[in-house]
Amino acid sequence: MLDYTLTYRTLSVRLTGEIDHANAPGLRLQLDNLIKSLKFDAFVIDLKGVTFMDSTAVGLIMGRYKKLKELGKKVSFGNTSPEADKVLRVSGLYTIINKM
């Protein structure tokens, strides 16, 4: 599931539940639509409510990161669940995307 807020030119996207090969395509479409349709300078990914994520989720995040970087947007992680934090740490995503 995806929810978002836009405050002071910061788009905060809150993902919850499982992020895997079954639901990643739908999330990708929703995220890309938000990126195209809203005006913002910073993009914050909140994974506090994520209960499971696999390599598909890592690919989903990396794809949005590359797109946002090309657009000159700042990207960071907000809150993360212990499950998401472990995957982000092991995958090395924290080396390219800062955690707030």
PDB file of N, CA and C in Angstrom:
ATOM      1  N   MET A   1       0.837  -1.184   0.000  1.00  0.00           N
ATOM      2  CA  MET A   1       0.000   0.000   0.000  1.00  0.00           C
ATOM      3  C   MET A   1       0.876   1.238   0.000  1.00  0.00           C
ATOM      4  N   LEU A   2       0.381   2.291  -0.611  1.00  0.00           N
ATOM      5  CA  LEU A   2       1.124   3.536  -0.738  1.00  0.00           C
ATOM      6  C   LEU A   2       0.253   4.703  -0.291  1.00  0.00           C
ATOM      7  N   ASP A   3       0.855   5.586   0.486  1.00  0.00           N
ATOM      8  CA  ASP A   3       0.206   6.814   0.918  1.00  0.00           C
ATOM      9  C   ASP A   3       1.254   7.905   0.805  1.00  0.00           C
ATOM     10  N   TYR A   4       0.846   9.141   0.585  1.00  0.00           N
ATOM     11  CA  TYR A   4       1.837  10.207   0.452  1.00  0.00           C
ATOM     12  C   TYR A   4       1.328  11.524   1.008  1.00  0.00           C
ATOM     13  N   THR A   5       2.279  12.393   1.335  1.00  0.00           N
ATOM     14  CA  THR A   5       1.976  13.764   1.719  1.00  0.00           C
ATOM     15  C   THR A   5       2.971  14.677   1.003  1.00  0.00           C
ATOM     16  N   LEU A   6       2.521  15.849   0.674  1.00  0.00           N
ATOM     17  CA  LEU A   6       3.379  16.855   0.058  1.00  0.00           C
ATOM     18  C   LEU A   6       3.366  18.081   0.959  1.00  0.00           C
ATOM     19  N   THR A   7       4.506  18.357   1.582  1.00  0.00           N
ATOM     20  CA  THR A   7       4.617  19.456   2.527  1.00  0.00           C
ATOM     21  C   THR A   7       5.903  20.221   2.266  1.00  0.00           C
ATOM     22  N   TYR A   8       5.778  21.527   2.059  1.00  0.00           N
ATOM     23  CA  TYR A   8       6.957  22.375   1.860  1.00  0.00           C
ATOM     24  C   TYR A   8       7.892  21.809   0.799  1.00  0.00           C
ATOM     25  N   ARG A   9       7.321  21.423  -0.343  1.00  0.00           N
ATOM     26  CA  ARG A   9       8.072  20.906  -1.493  1.00  0.00           C
ATOM     27  C   ARG A   9       8.831  19.614  -1.186  1.00  0.00           C
ATOM     28  N   THR A  10       8.379  18.889  -0.150  1.00  0.00           N
ATOM     29  CA  THR A  10       8.911  17.566   0.157  1.00  0.00           C
ATOM     30  C   THR A  10       7.788  16.550  -0.022  1.00  0.00           C
ATOM     31  N   LEU A  11       8.021  15.604  -0.912  1.00  0.00           N
ATOM     32  CA  LEU A  11       7.064  14.529  -1.139  1.00  0.00           C
ATOM     33  C   LEU A  11       7.485  13.342  -0.282  1.00  0.00           C
ATOM     34  N   SER A  12       6.655  13.003   0.691  1.00  0.00           N
ATOM     35  CA  SER A  12       6.912  11.864   1.569  1.00  0.00           C
ATOM     36  C   SER A  12       5.995  10.727   1.157  1.00  0.00           C
ATOM     37  N   VAL A  13       6.599   9.598   0.823  1.00  0.00           N
ATOM     38  CA  VAL A  13       5.845   8.437   0.385  1.00  0.00           C
ATOM     39  C   VAL A  13       5.976   7.357   1.443  1.00  0.00           C
ATOM     40  N   ARG A  14       4.838   6.888   1.932  1.00  0.00           N
ATOM     41  CA  ARG A  14       4.800   5.875   2.985  1.00  0.00           C
ATOM     42  C   ARG A  14       4.341   4.560   2.363  1.00  0.00           C
ATOM     43  N   LEU A  15       5.218   3.564   2.405  1.00  0.00           N
ATOM     44  CA  LEU A  15       4.887   2.236   1.899  1.00  0.00           C
ATOM     45  C   LEU A  15       4.645   1.302   3.076  1.00  0.00           C
ATOM     46  N   THR A  16       3.648   0.429   2.940  1.00  0.00           N
ATOM     47  CA  THR A  16       3.324  -0.502   4.015  1.00  0.00           C
ATOM     48  C   THR A  16       3.080  -1.894   3.449  1.00  0.00           C
ATOM     49  N   GLY A  17       3.167  -2.874   4.322  1.00  0.00           N
ATOM     50  CA  GLY A  17       2.912  -4.248   3.922  1.00  0.00           C
ATOM     51  C   GLY A  17       4.130  -4.886   3.278  1.00  0.00           C
ATOM     52  N   GLU A  18       3.881  -5.790   2.343  1.00  0.00           N
ATOM     53  CA  GLU A  18       4.953  -6.500   1.667  1.00  0.00           C
ATOM     54  C   GLU A  18       5.277  -5.821   0.338  1.00  0.00           C
ATOM     55  N   ILE A  19       6.563  -5.734   0.036  1.00  0.00           N
ATOM     56  CA  ILE A  19       7.000  -5.233  -1.266  1.00  0.00           C
ATOM     57  C   ILE A  19       7.790  -6.368  -1.915  1.00  0.00           C
ATOM     58  N   ASP A  20       7.151  -7.000  -2.898  1.00  0.00           N
ATOM     59  CA  ASP A  20       7.786  -8.131  -3.570  1.00  0.00           C
ATOM     60  C   ASP A  20       7.377  -8.139  -5.038  1.00  0.00           C
ATOM     61  N   HIS A  21       7.711  -9.214  -5.739  1.00  0.00           N
ATOM     62  CA  HIS A  21       7.446  -9.280  -7.178  1.00  0.00           C
ATOM     63  C   HIS A  21       5.961  -9.190  -7.517  1.00  0.00           C
ATOM     64  N   ALA A  22       5.096  -9.540  -6.595  1.00  0.00           N
ATOM     65  CA  ALA A  22       3.657  -9.515  -6.857  1.00  0.00           C
ATOM     66  C   ALA A  22       3.085  -8.098  -6.891  1.00  0.00           C
ATOM     67  N   ASN A  23       3.563  -7.226  -6.005  1.00  0.00           N
ATOM     68  CA  ASN A  23       2.967  -5.886  -5.951  1.00  0.00           C
ATOM     69  C   ASN A  23       3.904  -4.771  -6.406  1.00  0.00           C
ATOM     70  N   ALA A  24       5.145  -5.071  -6.720  1.00  0.00           N
ATOM     71  CA  ALA A  24       6.088  -4.036  -7.158  1.00  0.00           C
ATOM     72  C   ALA A  24       5.649  -3.316  -8.440  1.00  0.00           C
ATOM     73  N   PRO A  25       5.117  -4.018  -9.451  1.00  0.00           N
ATOM     74  CA  PRO A  25       4.694  -3.290 -10.657  1.00  0.00           C
ATOM     75  C   PRO A  25       3.642  -2.217 -10.381  1.00  0.00           C
ATOM     76  N   GLY A  26       2.670  -2.523  -9.518  1.00  0.00           N
ATOM     77  CA  GLY A  26       1.653  -1.533  -9.167  1.00  0.00           C
ATOM     78  C   GLY A  26       2.238  -0.357  -8.400  1.00  0.00           C
ATOM     79  N   LEU A  27       3.144  -0.643  -7.470  1.00  0.00           N
ATOM     80  CA  LEU A  27       3.799   0.433  -6.720  1.00  0.00           C
ATOM     81  C   LEU A  27       4.657   1.297  -7.649  1.00  0.00           C
ATOM     82  N   ARG A  28       5.344   0.649  -8.585  1.00  0.00           N
ATOM     83  CA  ARG A  28       6.184   1.380  -9.539  1.00  0.00           C
ATOM     84  C   ARG A  28       5.336   2.377 -10.333  1.00  0.00           C
ATOM     85  N   LEU A  29       4.196   1.921 -10.810  1.00  0.00           N
ATOM     86  CA  LEU A  29       3.293   2.778 -11.578  1.00  0.00           C
ATOM     87  C   LEU A  29       2.795   3.949 -10.729  1.00  0.00           C
ATOM     88  N   GLN A  30       2.387   3.667  -9.501  1.00  0.00           N
ATOM     89  CA  GLN A  30       1.901   4.730  -8.611  1.00  0.00           C
ATOM     90  C   GLN A  30       3.005   5.748  -8.308  1.00  0.00           C
ATOM     91  N   LEU A  31       4.196   5.258  -8.009  1.00  0.00           N
ATOM     92  CA  LEU A  31       5.309   6.163  -7.704  1.00  0.00           C
ATOM     93  C   LEU A  31       5.670   7.017  -8.914  1.00  0.00           C
ATOM     94  N   ASP A  32       5.747   6.399 -10.081  1.00  0.00           N
ATOM     95  CA  ASP A  32       6.078   7.155 -11.290  1.00  0.00           C
ATOM     96  C   ASP A  32       5.032   8.217 -11.594  1.00  0.00           C
ATOM     97  N   ASN A  33       3.762   7.900 -11.359  1.00  0.00           N
ATOM     98  CA  ASN A  33       2.702   8.896 -11.567  1.00  0.00           C
ATOM     99  C   ASN A  33       2.842  10.067 -10.595  1.00  0.00           C
ATOM    100  N   LEU A  34       3.181   9.789  -9.344  1.00  0.00           N
ATOM    101  CA  LEU A  34       3.392  10.868  -8.376  1.00  0.00           C
ATOM    102  C   LEU A  34       4.571  11.742  -8.796  1.00  0.00           C
ATOM    103  N   ILE A  35       5.657  11.103  -9.196  1.00  0.00           N
ATOM    104  CA  ILE A  35       6.864  11.837  -9.601  1.00  0.00           C
ATOM    105  C   ILE A  35       6.566  12.753 -10.784  1.00  0.00           C
ATOM    106  N   LYS A  36       5.764  12.274 -11.725  1.00  0.00           N
ATOM    107  CA  LYS A  36       5.420  13.068 -12.911  1.00  0.00           C
ATOM    108  C   LYS A  36       4.454  14.202 -12.602  1.00  0.00           C
ATOM    109  N   SER A  37       3.513  13.967 -11.710  1.00  0.00           N
ATOM    110  CA  SER A  37       2.402  14.902 -11.553  1.00  0.00           C
ATOM    111  C   SER A  37       2.568  15.950 -10.454  1.00  0.00           C
ATOM    112  N   LEU A  38       3.475  15.746  -9.510  1.00  0.00           N
ATOM    113  CA  LEU A  38       3.608  16.681  -8.389  1.00  0.00           C
ATOM    114  C   LEU A  38       4.903  17.483  -8.489  1.00  0.00           C
ATOM    115  N   LYS A  39       4.873  18.690  -7.938  1.00  0.00           N
ATOM    116  CA  LYS A  39       6.073  19.534  -7.900  1.00  0.00           C
ATOM    117  C   LYS A  39       6.688  19.447  -6.514  1.00  0.00           C
ATOM    118  N   PHE A  40       7.940  19.012  -6.460  1.00  0.00           N
ATOM    119  CA  PHE A  40       8.637  18.849  -5.191  1.00  0.00           C
ATOM    120  C   PHE A  40      10.132  18.913  -5.435  1.00  0.00           C
ATOM    121  N   ASP A  41      10.882  19.147  -4.364  1.00  0.00           N
ATOM    122  CA  ASP A  41      12.341  19.196  -4.434  1.00  0.00           C
ATOM    123  C   ASP A  41      12.988  18.004  -3.754  1.00  0.00           C
ATOM    124  N   ALA A  42      12.319  17.462  -2.750  1.00  0.00           N
ATOM    125  CA  ALA A  42      12.876  16.347  -1.971  1.00  0.00           C
ATOM    126  C   ALA A  42      11.858  15.212  -1.922  1.00  0.00           C
ATOM    127  N   PHE A  43      12.378  13.990  -1.937  1.00  0.00           N
ATOM    128  CA  PHE A  43      11.564  12.787  -1.946  1.00  0.00           C
ATOM    129  C   PHE A  43      11.999  11.923  -0.770  1.00  0.00           C
ATOM    130  N   VAL A  44      11.076  11.655   0.151  1.00  0.00           N
ATOM    131  CA  VAL A  44      11.383  10.858   1.340  1.00  0.00           C
ATOM    132  C   VAL A  44      10.604   9.545   1.263  1.00  0.00           C
ATOM    133  N   ILE A  45      11.330   8.435   1.422  1.00  0.00           N
ATOM    134  CA  ILE A  45      10.727   7.110   1.385  1.00  0.00           C
ATOM    135  C   ILE A  45      10.594   6.610   2.823  1.00  0.00           C
ATOM    136  N   ASP A  46       9.365   6.430   3.274  1.00  0.00           N
ATOM    137  CA  ASP A  46       9.087   5.947   4.626  1.00  0.00           C
ATOM    138  C   ASP A  46       8.695   4.477   4.543  1.00  0.00           C
ATOM    139  N   LEU A  47       9.480   3.623   5.163  1.00  0.00           N
ATOM    140  CA  LEU A  47       9.243   2.182   5.121  1.00  0.00           C
ATOM    141  C   LEU A  47       8.903   1.607   6.498  1.00  0.00           C
ATOM    142  N   LYS A  48       8.433   2.457   7.393  1.00  0.00           N
ATOM    143  CA  LYS A  48       8.153   2.011   8.755  1.00  0.00           C
ATOM    144  C   LYS A  48       7.124   0.886   8.797  1.00  0.00           C
ATOM    145  N   GLY A  49       6.167   0.908   7.897  1.00  0.00           N
ATOM    146  CA  GLY A  49       5.103  -0.088   7.895  1.00  0.00           C
ATOM    147  C   GLY A  49       5.360  -1.287   7.004  1.00  0.00           C
ATOM    148  N   VAL A  50       6.575  -1.418   6.490  1.00  0.00           N
ATOM    149  CA  VAL A  50       6.895  -2.547   5.615  1.00  0.00           C
ATOM    150  C   VAL A  50       7.196  -3.778   6.469  1.00  0.00           C
ATOM    151  N   THR A  51       6.510  -4.865   6.161  1.00  0.00           N
ATOM    152  CA  THR A  51       6.692  -6.101   6.918  1.00  0.00           C
ATOM    153  C   THR A  51       7.597  -7.093   6.208  1.00  0.00           C
ATOM    154  N   PHE A  52       7.770  -6.925   4.887  1.00  0.00           N
ATOM    155  CA  PHE A  52       8.646  -7.795   4.111  1.00  0.00           C
ATOM    156  C   PHE A  52       9.051  -7.068   2.843  1.00  0.00           C
ATOM    157  N   MET A  53      10.319  -7.209   2.469  1.00  0.00           N
ATOM    158  CA  MET A  53      10.761  -6.718   1.166  1.00  0.00           C
ATOM    159  C   MET A  53      11.884  -7.608   0.661  1.00  0.00           C
ATOM    160  N   ASP A  54      11.909  -7.798  -0.665  1.00  0.00           N
ATOM    161  CA  ASP A  54      12.931  -8.652  -1.258  1.00  0.00           C
ATOM    162  C   ASP A  54      13.726  -7.855  -2.285  1.00  0.00           C
ATOM    163  N   SER A  55      14.471  -8.555  -3.125  1.00  0.00           N
ATOM    164  CA  SER A  55      15.316  -7.873  -4.110  1.00  0.00           C
ATOM    165  C   SER A  55      14.497  -7.070  -5.111  1.00  0.00           C
ATOM    166  N   THR A  56      13.254  -7.449  -5.330  1.00  0.00           N
ATOM    167  CA  THR A  56      12.383  -6.670  -6.208  1.00  0.00           C
ATOM    168  C   THR A  56      12.157  -5.283  -5.631  1.00  0.00           C
ATOM    169  N   ALA A  57      12.016  -5.199  -4.327  1.00  0.00           N
ATOM    170  CA  ALA A  57      11.838  -3.911  -3.660  1.00  0.00           C
ATOM    171  C   ALA A  57      13.091  -3.059  -3.800  1.00  0.00           C
ATOM    172  N   VAL A  58      14.248  -3.700  -3.689  1.00  0.00           N
ATOM    173  CA  VAL A  58      15.509  -2.971  -3.871  1.00  0.00           C
ATOM    174  C   VAL A  58      15.565  -2.399  -5.286  1.00  0.00           C
ATOM    175  N   GLY A  59      15.193  -3.205  -6.273  1.00  0.00           N
ATOM    176  CA  GLY A  59      15.160  -2.730  -7.653  1.00  0.00           C
ATOM    177  C   GLY A  59      14.165  -1.598  -7.852  1.00  0.00           C
ATOM    178  N   LEU A  60      13.022  -1.696  -7.215  1.00  0.00           N
ATOM    179  CA  LEU A  60      12.004  -0.645  -7.283  1.00  0.00           C
ATOM    180  C   LEU A  60      12.564   0.667  -6.744  1.00  0.00           C
ATOM    181  N   ILE A  61      13.194   0.612  -5.592  1.00  0.00           N
ATOM    182  CA  ILE A  61      13.758   1.818  -4.975  1.00  0.00           C
ATOM    183  C   ILE A  61      14.889   2.378  -5.837  1.00  0.00           C
ATOM    184  N   MET A  62      15.773   1.510  -6.334  1.00  0.00           N
ATOM    185  CA  MET A  62      16.884   1.967  -7.167  1.00  0.00           C
ATOM    186  C   MET A  62      16.394   2.645  -8.449  1.00  0.00           C
ATOM    187  N   GLY A  63      15.376   2.091  -9.049  1.00  0.00           N
ATOM    188  CA  GLY A  63      14.823   2.692 -10.262  1.00  0.00           C
ATOM    189  C   GLY A  63      14.265   4.078 -10.022  1.00  0.00           C
ATOM    190  N   ARG A  64      13.544   4.250  -8.910  1.00  0.00           N
ATOM    191  CA  ARG A  64      12.997   5.584  -8.596  1.00  0.00           C
ATOM    192  C   ARG A  64      14.138   6.536  -8.238  1.00  0.00           C
ATOM    193  N   TYR A  65      15.145   6.024  -7.523  1.00  0.00           N
ATOM    194  CA  TYR A  65      16.290   6.853  -7.163  1.00  0.00           C
ATOM    195  C   TYR A  65      16.964   7.401  -8.422  1.00  0.00           C
ATOM    196  N   LYS A  66      17.227   6.552  -9.390  1.00  0.00           N
ATOM    197  CA  LYS A  66      17.880   6.992 -10.630  1.00  0.00           C
ATOM    198  C   LYS A  66      17.046   8.036 -11.352  1.00  0.00           C
ATOM    199  N   LYS A  67      15.742   7.792 -11.417  1.00  0.00           N
ATOM    200  CA  LYS A  67      14.836   8.738 -12.078  1.00  0.00           C
ATOM    201  C   LYS A  67      14.854  10.088 -11.356  1.00  0.00           C
ATOM    202  N   LEU A  68      14.771  10.059 -10.033  1.00  0.00           N
ATOM    203  CA  LEU A  68      14.746  11.297  -9.248  1.00  0.00           C
ATOM    204  C   LEU A  68      16.079  12.031  -9.321  1.00  0.00           C
ATOM    205  N   LYS A  69      17.168  11.301  -9.338  1.00  0.00           N
ATOM    206  CA  LYS A  69      18.489  11.921  -9.444  1.00  0.00           C
ATOM    207  C   LYS A  69      18.628  12.655 -10.775  1.00  0.00           C
ATOM    208  N   GLU A  70      18.146  12.046 -11.859  1.00  0.00           N
ATOM    209  CA  GLU A  70      18.168  12.689 -13.170  1.00  0.00           C
ATOM    210  C   GLU A  70      17.359  13.976 -13.174  1.00  0.00           C
ATOM    211  N   LEU A  71      16.308  14.025 -12.364  1.00  0.00           N
ATOM    212  CA  LEU A  71      15.459  15.217 -12.265  1.00  0.00           C
ATOM    213  C   LEU A  71      16.007  16.249 -11.276  1.00  0.00           C
ATOM    214  N   GLY A  72      17.122  15.915 -10.622  1.00  0.00           N
ATOM    215  CA  GLY A  72      17.733  16.843  -9.671  1.00  0.00           C
ATOM    216  C   GLY A  72      17.054  16.884  -8.312  1.00  0.00           C
ATOM    217  N   LYS A  73      16.353  15.831  -7.956  1.00  0.00           N
ATOM    218  CA  LYS A  73      15.648  15.778  -6.670  1.00  0.00           C
ATOM    219  C   LYS A  73      16.509  15.092  -5.613  1.00  0.00           C
ATOM    220  N   LYS A  74      16.372  15.526  -4.366  1.00  0.00           N
ATOM    221  CA  LYS A  74      17.036  14.864  -3.241  1.00  0.00           C
ATOM    222  C   LYS A  74      16.184  13.671  -2.821  1.00  0.00           C
ATOM    223  N   VAL A  75      16.839  12.570  -2.496  1.00  0.00           N
ATOM    224  CA  VAL A  75      16.133  11.357  -2.075  1.00  0.00           C
ATOM    225  C   VAL A  75      16.709  10.903  -0.744  1.00  0.00           C
ATOM    226  N   SER A  76      15.830  10.530   0.176  1.00  0.00           N
ATOM    227  CA  SER A  76      16.292  10.013   1.469  1.00  0.00           C
ATOM    228  C   SER A  76      15.268   9.030   2.020  1.00  0.00           C
ATOM    229  N   PHE A  77      15.729   8.230   2.969  1.00  0.00           N
ATOM    230  CA  PHE A  77      14.835   7.342   3.688  1.00  0.00           C
ATOM    231  C   PHE A  77      14.394   8.034   4.962  1.00  0.00           C
ATOM    232  N   GLY A  78      13.132   7.893   5.294  1.00  0.00           N
ATOM    233  CA  GLY A  78      12.614   8.366   6.574  1.00  0.00           C
ATOM    234  C   GLY A  78      12.660   7.215   7.557  1.00  0.00           C
ATOM    235  N   ASN A  79      11.538   6.901   8.130  1.00  0.00           N
ATOM    236  CA  ASN A  79      11.442   5.776   9.068  1.00  0.00           C
ATOM    237  C   ASN A  79      11.542   4.456   8.315  1.00  0.00           C
ATOM    238  N   THR A  80      12.147   3.465   8.963  1.00  0.00           N
ATOM    239  CA  THR A  80      12.209   2.135   8.368  1.00  0.00           C
ATOM    240  C   THR A  80      11.872   1.094   9.437  1.00  0.00           C
ATOM    241  N   SER A  81      11.195   0.063   9.004  1.00  0.00           N
ATOM    242  CA  SER A  81      10.925  -1.052   9.912  1.00  0.00           C
ATOM    243  C   SER A  81      12.209  -1.861  10.063  1.00  0.00           C
ATOM    244  N   PRO A  82      12.311  -2.681  11.096  1.00  0.00           N
ATOM    245  CA  PRO A  82      13.498  -3.534  11.237  1.00  0.00           C
ATOM    246  C   PRO A  82      13.716  -4.438  10.019  1.00  0.00           C
ATOM    247  N   GLU A  83      12.620  -4.934   9.432  1.00  0.00           N
ATOM    248  CA  GLU A  83      12.723  -5.792   8.254  1.00  0.00           C
ATOM    249  C   GLU A  83      13.293  -5.033   7.062  1.00  0.00           C
ATOM    250  N   ALA A  84      12.782  -3.838   6.833  1.00  0.00           N
ATOM    251  CA  ALA A  84      13.267  -3.021   5.718  1.00  0.00           C
ATOM    252  C   ALA A  84      14.695  -2.557   5.976  1.00  0.00           C
ATOM    253  N   ASP A  85      14.987  -2.175   7.199  1.00  0.00           N
ATOM    254  CA  ASP A  85      16.324  -1.694   7.541  1.00  0.00           C
ATOM    255  C   ASP A  85      17.388  -2.752   7.236  1.00  0.00           C
ATOM    256  N   LYS A  86      17.101  -3.993   7.555  1.00  0.00           N
ATOM    257  CA  LYS A  86      18.047  -5.078   7.308  1.00  0.00           C
ATOM    258  C   LYS A  86      18.331  -5.222   5.810  1.00  0.00           C
ATOM    259  N   VAL A  87      17.288  -5.205   4.990  1.00  0.00           N
ATOM    260  CA  VAL A  87      17.457  -5.339   3.536  1.00  0.00           C
ATOM    261  C   VAL A  87      18.212  -4.134   2.969  1.00  0.00           C
ATOM    262  N   LEU A  88      17.894  -2.947   3.444  1.00  0.00           N
ATOM    263  CA  LEU A  88      18.566  -1.743   2.956  1.00  0.00           C
ATOM    264  C   LEU A  88      20.051  -1.758   3.309  1.00  0.00           C
ATOM    265  N   ARG A  89      20.359  -2.223   4.496  1.00  0.00           N
ATOM    266  CA  ARG A  89      21.748  -2.297   4.945  1.00  0.00           C
ATOM    267  C   ARG A  89      22.526  -3.328   4.124  1.00  0.00           C
ATOM    268  N   VAL A  90      21.962  -4.528   3.983  1.00  0.00           N
ATOM    269  CA  VAL A  90      22.633  -5.612   3.261  1.00  0.00           C
ATOM    270  C   VAL A  90      22.801  -5.271   1.777  1.00  0.00           C
ATOM    271  N   SER A  91      21.811  -4.622   1.183  1.00  0.00           N
ATOM    272  CA  SER A  91      21.863  -4.292  -0.237  1.00  0.00           C
ATOM    273  C   SER A  91      22.799  -3.135  -0.555  1.00  0.00           C
ATOM    274  N   GLY A  92      23.183  -2.371   0.479  1.00  0.00           N
ATOM    275  CA  GLY A  92      24.051  -1.227   0.258  1.00  0.00           C
ATOM    276  C   GLY A  92      23.316   0.051  -0.127  1.00  0.00           C
ATOM    277  N   LEU A  93      22.004   0.048  -0.065  1.00  0.00           N
ATOM    278  CA  LEU A  93      21.257   1.253  -0.454  1.00  0.00           C
ATOM    279  C   LEU A  93      21.572   2.451   0.443  1.00  0.00           C
ATOM    280  N   TYR A  94      21.933   2.191   1.687  1.00  0.00           N
ATOM    281  CA  TYR A  94      22.275   3.310   2.578  1.00  0.00           C
ATOM    282  C   TYR A  94      23.549   4.026   2.135  1.00  0.00           C
ATOM    283  N   THR A  95      24.342   3.417   1.282  1.00  0.00           N
ATOM    284  CA  THR A  95      25.553   4.086   0.802  1.00  0.00           C
ATOM    285  C   THR A  95      25.246   5.136  -0.256  1.00  0.00           C
ATOM    286  N   ILE A  96      24.069   5.034  -0.893  1.00  0.00           N
ATOM    287  CA  ILE A  96      23.718   6.027  -1.905  1.00  0.00           C
ATOM    288  C   ILE A  96      22.517   6.884  -1.527  1.00  0.00           C
ATOM    289  N   ILE A  97      21.661   6.366  -0.644  1.00  0.00           N
ATOM    290  CA  ILE A  97      20.495   7.112  -0.192  1.00  0.00           C
ATOM    291  C   ILE A  97      20.601   7.271   1.316  1.00  0.00           C
ATOM    292  N   ASN A  98      20.644   8.511   1.772  1.00  0.00           N
ATOM    293  CA  ASN A  98      20.802   8.791   3.202  1.00  0.00           C
ATOM    294  C   ASN A  98      19.536   8.487   3.976  1.00  0.00           C
ATOM    295  N   LYS A  99      19.725   8.094   5.229  1.00  0.00           N
ATOM    296  CA  LYS A  99      18.614   7.911   6.147  1.00  0.00           C
ATOM    297  C   LYS A  99      18.514   9.149   7.019  1.00  0.00           C
ATOM    298  N   MET A 100      17.318   9.699   7.125  1.00  0.00           N
ATOM    299  CA  MET A 100      17.096  10.913   7.915  1.00  0.00           C
ATOM    300  C   MET A 100      17.165  10.595   9.396  1.00  0.00           C
TER     301      MET A 100
END
